[in-house]
Amino acid sequence: MPTPDNTSWVILAGGQASRMGGNDKGLVTLAGRAMIEHVIDILGTQTSSITINANRNQDTYRQYGTVFGDHIKNYPGPLGGMHAALHHLDTEWVGFVPCDCPALPADLVSRMSNACDGNTDIAVAHDGEHIQPVVTLVNRRILPKLEQFLENGDRKIILLYRQCNMITVDFSDQPNAFVNLNTPEELEQFGQAL
């Protein structure tokens, strides 16, 4: 069973950020600080095991912690980061959050961990209306399925989840915790609201 102490957590910052004008989303400024710093602030109170998946600006990201890149070339998306993490880390459970989600729940790690049982392959956050597929806790036993999925050229994260024993974790009491800042306009609006 996952607990906050026996899980590793990974901030996914490996994408191309095409909607952010190609700027590295984790490093864009929000309220005077890099966006990843806001994510680390929230996650760091919940777990001591945080690493970063990044394919660009790795030296800059290293100031925030251990960094590893995708093993698969050409930016396969979040699944590429998950694949690399399951090779890089040795814990049975690995959790993931995106670098562009600066208002994550303060009880994310405990709530995700407590929802799992011995049969759970993947736990995915649900905001009350939609699943949040990149806010997830996975058991490393999914690695063979994930590798086959990627070898087949598939990239749609939810299609992989449907091949696994997936549960959703209810965060409908905090639906705004999963706001993703994908564009400069969203970043500006969110920053003004802080």
C-alpha atoms as a PDB file:
ATOM      1  CA  MET A   1       0.000   0.000   0.000  1.00  0.00           C
ATOM      2  CA  PRO A   2       1.319   3.464  -0.786  1.00  0.00           C
ATOM      3  CA  THR A   3       2.034   5.856   2.063  1.00  0.00           C
ATOM      4  CA  PRO A   4       3.534   9.339   1.946  1.00  0.00           C
ATOM      5  CA  ASP A   5       6.770   7.750   3.179  1.00  0.00           C
ATOM      6  CA  ASN A   6       7.135   4.967   0.589  1.00  0.00           C
ATOM      7  CA  THR A   7       6.163   6.875  -2.545  1.00  0.00           C
ATOM      8  CA  SER A   8       8.298   9.050  -4.779  1.00  0.00           C
ATOM      9  CA  TRP A   9       6.764  12.126  -6.398  1.00  0.00           C
ATOM     10  CA  VAL A  10       7.757  13.574  -9.743  1.00  0.00           C
ATOM     11  CA  ILE A  11       7.052  17.015 -11.171  1.00  0.00           C
ATOM     12  CA  LEU A  12       6.565  16.627 -14.916  1.00  0.00           C
ATOM     13  CA  ALA A  13       8.307  19.500 -16.701  1.00  0.00           C
ATOM     14  CA  GLY A  14       9.391  17.671 -19.828  1.00  0.00           C
ATOM     15  CA  GLY A  15       7.025  19.033 -22.446  1.00  0.00           C
ATOM     16  CA  GLN A  16       7.527  21.435 -25.317  1.00  0.00           C
ATOM     17  CA  ALA A  17       5.086  24.036 -23.941  1.00  0.00           C
ATOM     18  CA  SER A  18       3.963  25.017 -27.431  1.00  0.00           C
ATOM     19  CA  ARG A  19       0.934  26.933 -26.070  1.00  0.00           C
ATOM     20  CA  MET A  20       3.255  28.901 -23.757  1.00  0.00           C
ATOM     21  CA  GLY A  21       5.114  30.199 -26.807  1.00  0.00           C
ATOM     22  CA  GLY A  22       7.752  27.517 -26.376  1.00  0.00           C
ATOM     23  CA  ASN A  23       8.797  28.905 -22.991  1.00  0.00           C
ATOM     24  CA  ASP A  24       9.579  26.229 -20.430  1.00  0.00           C
ATOM     25  CA  LYS A  25       6.377  26.215 -18.360  1.00  0.00           C
ATOM     26  CA  GLY A  26       7.994  25.228 -15.089  1.00  0.00           C
ATOM     27  CA  LEU A  27      10.336  28.203 -15.316  1.00  0.00           C
ATOM     28  CA  VAL A  28       7.921  30.929 -16.400  1.00  0.00           C
ATOM     29  CA  THR A  29       7.343  33.548 -13.732  1.00  0.00           C
ATOM     30  CA  LEU A  30       4.180  33.518 -11.637  1.00  0.00           C
ATOM     31  CA  ALA A  31       3.896  36.118  -8.868  1.00  0.00           C
ATOM     32  CA  GLY A  32       7.620  36.773  -9.075  1.00  0.00           C
ATOM     33  CA  ARG A  33       8.725  33.152  -8.827  1.00  0.00           C
ATOM     34  CA  ALA A  34       9.220  30.247 -11.231  1.00  0.00           C
ATOM     35  CA  MET A  35       6.001  28.249 -11.543  1.00  0.00           C
ATOM     36  CA  ILE A  36       7.744  25.064 -10.392  1.00  0.00           C
ATOM     37  CA  GLU A  37       8.544  26.771  -7.088  1.00  0.00           C
ATOM     38  CA  HIS A  38       4.819  27.082  -6.354  1.00  0.00           C
ATOM     39  CA  VAL A  39       4.377  23.360  -7.063  1.00  0.00           C
ATOM     40  CA  ILE A  40       7.365  22.448  -4.869  1.00  0.00           C
ATOM     41  CA  ASP A  41       6.019  24.609  -2.030  1.00  0.00           C
ATOM     42  CA  ILE A  42       2.793  22.595  -1.945  1.00  0.00           C
ATOM     43  CA  LEU A  43       4.297  19.166  -2.590  1.00  0.00           C
ATOM     44  CA  GLY A  44       7.257  19.702  -0.276  1.00  0.00           C
ATOM     45  CA  THR A  45       5.026  19.908   2.796  1.00  0.00           C
ATOM     46  CA  GLN A  46       3.576  16.492   1.909  1.00  0.00           C
ATOM     47  CA  THR A  47       6.580  14.391   0.869  1.00  0.00           C
ATOM     48  CA  SER A  48      10.357  14.488   1.135  1.00  0.00           C
ATOM     49  CA  SER A  49      10.839  12.612  -2.136  1.00  0.00           C
ATOM     50  CA  ILE A  50      10.484  15.010  -5.077  1.00  0.00           C
ATOM     51  CA  THR A  51      12.316  14.708  -8.384  1.00  0.00           C
ATOM     52  CA  ILE A  52      11.853  16.581 -11.649  1.00  0.00           C
ATOM     53  CA  ASN A  53      11.403  15.214 -15.154  1.00  0.00           C
ATOM     54  CA  ALA A  54      12.729  17.812 -17.613  1.00  0.00           C
ATOM     55  CA  ASN A  55      14.121  17.619 -21.123  1.00  0.00           C
ATOM     56  CA  ARG A  56      15.222  21.248 -21.416  1.00  0.00           C
ATOM     57  CA  ASN A  57      16.977  23.627 -19.037  1.00  0.00           C
ATOM     58  CA  GLN A  58      18.077  20.751 -16.837  1.00  0.00           C
ATOM     59  CA  ASP A  59      20.828  22.798 -15.189  1.00  0.00           C
ATOM     60  CA  THR A  60      18.282  25.401 -14.117  1.00  0.00           C
ATOM     61  CA  TYR A  61      15.916  22.754 -12.776  1.00  0.00           C
ATOM     62  CA  ARG A  62      18.745  21.172 -10.770  1.00  0.00           C
ATOM     63  CA  GLN A  63      18.622  24.095  -8.356  1.00  0.00           C
ATOM     64  CA  TYR A  64      15.275  22.649  -7.244  1.00  0.00           C
ATOM     65  CA  GLY A  65      16.299  18.991  -6.944  1.00  0.00           C
ATOM     66  CA  THR A  66      17.284  15.849  -8.808  1.00  0.00           C
ATOM     67  CA  VAL A  67      16.466  16.001 -12.521  1.00  0.00           C
ATOM     68  CA  PHE A  68      16.134  13.263 -15.135  1.00  0.00           C
ATOM     69  CA  GLY A  69      15.063  13.378 -18.780  1.00  0.00           C
ATOM     70  CA  ASP A  70      12.911  11.149 -20.944  1.00  0.00           C
ATOM     71  CA  HIS A  71      14.435   7.933 -22.244  1.00  0.00           C
ATOM     72  CA  ILE A  72      12.245   8.169 -25.352  1.00  0.00           C
ATOM     73  CA  LYS A  73      13.044  10.889 -27.865  1.00  0.00           C
ATOM     74  CA  ASN A  74      10.714  13.393 -29.531  1.00  0.00           C
ATOM     75  CA  TYR A  75       8.716  14.437 -26.497  1.00  0.00           C
ATOM     76  CA  PRO A  76       6.233  11.596 -25.993  1.00  0.00           C
ATOM     77  CA  GLY A  77       4.358  13.724 -23.460  1.00  0.00           C
ATOM     78  CA  PRO A  78       3.521  12.880 -19.847  1.00  0.00           C
ATOM     79  CA  LEU A  79       3.831   9.154 -20.526  1.00  0.00           C
ATOM     80  CA  GLY A  80       7.471   9.710 -21.470  1.00  0.00           C
ATOM     81  CA  GLY A  81       8.087  11.280 -18.081  1.00  0.00           C
ATOM     82  CA  MET A  82       6.267   8.463 -16.331  1.00  0.00           C
ATOM     83  CA  HIS A  83       8.284   5.889 -18.259  1.00  0.00           C
ATOM     84  CA  ALA A  84      11.570   7.599 -17.345  1.00  0.00           C
ATOM     85  CA  ALA A  85      10.537   7.921 -13.692  1.00  0.00           C
ATOM     86  CA  LEU A  86       9.722   4.232 -13.360  1.00  0.00           C
ATOM     87  CA  HIS A  87      13.214   3.478 -14.662  1.00  0.00           C
ATOM     88  CA  HIS A  88      14.902   6.164 -12.565  1.00  0.00           C
ATOM     89  CA  LEU A  89      13.193   5.591  -9.202  1.00  0.00           C
ATOM     90  CA  ASP A  90      12.989   2.377  -7.207  1.00  0.00           C
ATOM     91  CA  THR A  91       9.922   2.890  -5.021  1.00  0.00           C
ATOM     92  CA  GLU A  92       6.902   0.670  -5.648  1.00  0.00           C
ATOM     93  CA  TRP A  93       4.639   3.709  -6.013  1.00  0.00           C
ATOM     94  CA  VAL A  94       5.419   6.858  -7.963  1.00  0.00           C
ATOM     95  CA  GLY A  95       3.200   9.939  -8.025  1.00  0.00           C
ATOM     96  CA  PHE A  96       3.115  12.618 -10.704  1.00  0.00           C
ATOM     97  CA  VAL A  97       2.015  16.231 -10.909  1.00  0.00           C
ATOM     98  CA  PRO A  98       2.442  18.733 -13.768  1.00  0.00           C
ATOM     99  CA  CYS A  99       4.728  21.740 -13.412  1.00  0.00           C
ATOM    100  CA  ASP A 100       1.939  24.100 -14.519  1.00  0.00           C
ATOM    101  CA  CYS A 101      -0.494  23.358 -11.687  1.00  0.00           C
ATOM    102  CA  PRO A 102       0.470  25.863  -8.949  1.00  0.00           C
ATOM    103  CA  ALA A 103      -2.552  25.429  -6.651  1.00  0.00           C
ATOM    104  CA  LEU A 104      -2.487  21.672  -5.975  1.00  0.00           C
ATOM    105  CA  PRO A 105      -4.358  20.314  -2.929  1.00  0.00           C
ATOM    106  CA  ALA A 106      -2.513  20.517   0.384  1.00  0.00           C
ATOM    107  CA  ASP A 107      -3.638  16.945   1.119  1.00  0.00           C
ATOM    108  CA  LEU A 108      -2.905  15.536  -2.335  1.00  0.00           C
ATOM    109  CA  VAL A 109      -0.318  12.929  -1.295  1.00  0.00           C
ATOM    110  CA  SER A 110      -2.257  11.518   1.660  1.00  0.00           C
ATOM    111  CA  ARG A 111      -5.585  11.472  -0.158  1.00  0.00           C
ATOM    112  CA  MET A 112      -4.105   9.768  -3.224  1.00  0.00           C
ATOM    113  CA  SER A 113      -2.247   7.220  -1.075  1.00  0.00           C
ATOM    114  CA  ASN A 114      -5.227   6.425   1.146  1.00  0.00           C
ATOM    115  CA  ALA A 115      -7.467   5.749  -1.860  1.00  0.00           C
ATOM    116  CA  CYS A 116      -5.314   2.868  -3.118  1.00  0.00           C
ATOM    117  CA  ASP A 117      -5.548  -0.780  -2.222  1.00  0.00           C
ATOM    118  CA  GLY A 118      -3.551  -3.839  -3.204  1.00  0.00           C
ATOM    119  CA  ASN A 119      -5.328  -4.072  -6.573  1.00  0.00           C
ATOM    120  CA  THR A 120      -4.818  -0.461  -7.635  1.00  0.00           C
ATOM    121  CA  ASP A 121      -2.533   0.116 -10.616  1.00  0.00           C
ATOM    122  CA  ILE A 122      -3.254   3.812 -11.062  1.00  0.00           C
ATOM    123  CA  ALA A 123      -5.030   6.403  -8.920  1.00  0.00           C
ATOM    124  CA  VAL A 124      -6.076   9.552 -10.781  1.00  0.00           C
ATOM    125  CA  ALA A 125      -7.330  12.799  -9.265  1.00  0.00           C
ATOM    126  CA  HIS A 126     -10.906  13.804 -10.143  1.00  0.00           C
ATOM    127  CA  ASP A 127     -12.037  17.403  -9.684  1.00  0.00           C
ATOM    128  CA  GLY A 128     -15.738  16.580  -9.565  1.00  0.00           C
ATOM    129  CA  GLU A 129     -16.253  17.073 -13.305  1.00  0.00           C
ATOM    130  CA  HIS A 130     -13.172  15.635 -15.001  1.00  0.00           C
ATOM    131  CA  ILE A 131     -10.274  13.372 -14.255  1.00  0.00           C
ATOM    132  CA  GLN A 132      -6.900  15.089 -14.042  1.00  0.00           C
ATOM    133  CA  PRO A 133      -4.796  12.484 -15.847  1.00  0.00           C
ATOM    134  CA  VAL A 134      -1.402  13.976 -15.024  1.00  0.00           C
ATOM    135  CA  VAL A 135      -2.136  14.134 -11.290  1.00  0.00           C
ATOM    136  CA  THR A 136      -1.702  10.467 -10.614  1.00  0.00           C
ATOM    137  CA  LEU A 137      -0.161   7.802  -8.403  1.00  0.00           C
ATOM    138  CA  VAL A 138       0.977   4.627 -10.153  1.00  0.00           C
ATOM    139  CA  ASN A 139       2.265   1.251  -9.094  1.00  0.00           C
ATOM    140  CA  ARG A 140       5.463   0.311 -10.889  1.00  0.00           C
ATOM    141  CA  ARG A 141       3.882  -2.934 -12.079  1.00  0.00           C
ATOM    142  CA  ILE A 142       2.348  -0.900 -14.937  1.00  0.00           C
ATOM    143  CA  LEU A 143       5.793  -0.477 -16.519  1.00  0.00           C
ATOM    144  CA  PRO A 144       5.533  -3.416 -18.966  1.00  0.00           C
ATOM    145  CA  LYS A 145       2.116  -2.175 -20.181  1.00  0.00           C
ATOM    146  CA  LEU A 146       3.443   1.365 -20.437  1.00  0.00           C
ATOM    147  CA  GLU A 147       6.467   0.260 -22.457  1.00  0.00           C
ATOM    148  CA  GLN A 148       4.319  -1.769 -24.841  1.00  0.00           C
ATOM    149  CA  PHE A 149       1.905   1.134 -25.184  1.00  0.00           C
ATOM    150  CA  LEU A 150       4.718   3.532 -26.095  1.00  0.00           C
ATOM    151  CA  GLU A 151       6.339   1.026 -28.453  1.00  0.00           C
ATOM    152  CA  ASN A 152       3.023   0.835 -30.302  1.00  0.00           C
ATOM    153  CA  GLY A 153       3.244   4.596 -30.840  1.00  0.00           C
ATOM    154  CA  ASP A 154       0.328   5.403 -28.548  1.00  0.00           C
ATOM    155  CA  ARG A 155       0.462   8.645 -26.559  1.00  0.00           C
ATOM    156  CA  LYS A 156      -3.088   9.171 -25.229  1.00  0.00           C
ATOM    157  CA  ILE A 157      -2.699   8.798 -21.506  1.00  0.00           C
ATOM    158  CA  ILE A 158      -6.297   7.776 -20.780  1.00  0.00           C
ATOM    159  CA  LEU A 159      -6.064   4.854 -23.216  1.00  0.00           C
ATOM    160  CA  LEU A 160      -3.246   3.399 -21.145  1.00  0.00           C
ATOM    161  CA  TYR A 161      -5.195   3.960 -17.941  1.00  0.00           C
ATOM    162  CA  ARG A 162      -8.116   1.985 -19.358  1.00  0.00           C
ATOM    163  CA  GLN A 163      -5.789  -1.014 -19.748  1.00  0.00           C
ATOM    164  CA  CYS A 164      -4.966  -0.874 -16.039  1.00  0.00           C
ATOM    165  CA  ASN A 165      -6.887  -1.148 -12.786  1.00  0.00           C
ATOM    166  CA  MET A 166      -7.579   2.577 -12.432  1.00  0.00           C
ATOM    167  CA  ILE A 167      -9.404   4.305  -9.610  1.00  0.00           C
ATOM    168  CA  THR A 168     -10.345   7.963  -9.348  1.00  0.00           C
ATOM    169  CA  VAL A 169      -9.721  10.001  -6.202  1.00  0.00           C
ATOM    170  CA  ASP A 170     -12.381  12.559  -5.346  1.00  0.00           C
ATOM    171  CA  PHE A 171     -11.188  16.143  -5.019  1.00  0.00           C
ATOM    172  CA  SER A 172     -14.558  17.683  -5.867  1.00  0.00           C
ATOM    173  CA  ASP A 173     -14.260  19.778  -2.693  1.00  0.00           C
ATOM    174  CA  GLN A 174     -11.244  21.557  -4.271  1.00  0.00           C
ATOM    175  CA  PRO A 175     -12.028  21.763  -8.009  1.00  0.00           C
ATOM    176  CA  ASN A 176      -9.884  24.877  -8.504  1.00  0.00           C
ATOM    177  CA  ALA A 177      -6.776  23.096  -7.231  1.00  0.00           C
ATOM    178  CA  PHE A 178      -6.110  21.673 -10.676  1.00  0.00           C
ATOM    179  CA  VAL A 179      -5.997  24.840 -12.742  1.00  0.00           C
ATOM    180  CA  ASN A 180      -3.426  24.372 -15.515  1.00  0.00           C
ATOM    181  CA  LEU A 181      -1.622  27.429 -16.816  1.00  0.00           C
ATOM    182  CA  ASN A 182      -0.923  26.644 -20.453  1.00  0.00           C
ATOM    183  CA  THR A 183      -0.825  30.052 -22.115  1.00  0.00           C
ATOM    184  CA  PRO A 184       0.658  33.468 -21.268  1.00  0.00           C
ATOM    185  CA  GLU A 185      -2.903  34.813 -20.924  1.00  0.00           C
ATOM    186  CA  GLU A 186      -3.866  32.163 -18.352  1.00  0.00           C
ATOM    187  CA  LEU A 187      -0.640  32.818 -16.477  1.00  0.00           C
ATOM    188  CA  GLU A 188      -1.334  36.549 -16.315  1.00  0.00           C
ATOM    189  CA  GLN A 189      -4.960  36.096 -15.186  1.00  0.00           C
ATOM    190  CA  PHE A 190      -3.978  33.616 -12.470  1.00  0.00           C
ATOM    191  CA  GLY A 191      -1.121  35.810 -11.256  1.00  0.00           C
ATOM    192  CA  GLN A 192      -3.448  38.794 -10.933  1.00  0.00           C
ATOM    193  CA  ALA A 193      -5.798  36.698  -8.778  1.00  0.00           C
ATOM    194  CA  LEU A 194      -3.078  35.762  -6.261  1.00  0.00           C
END
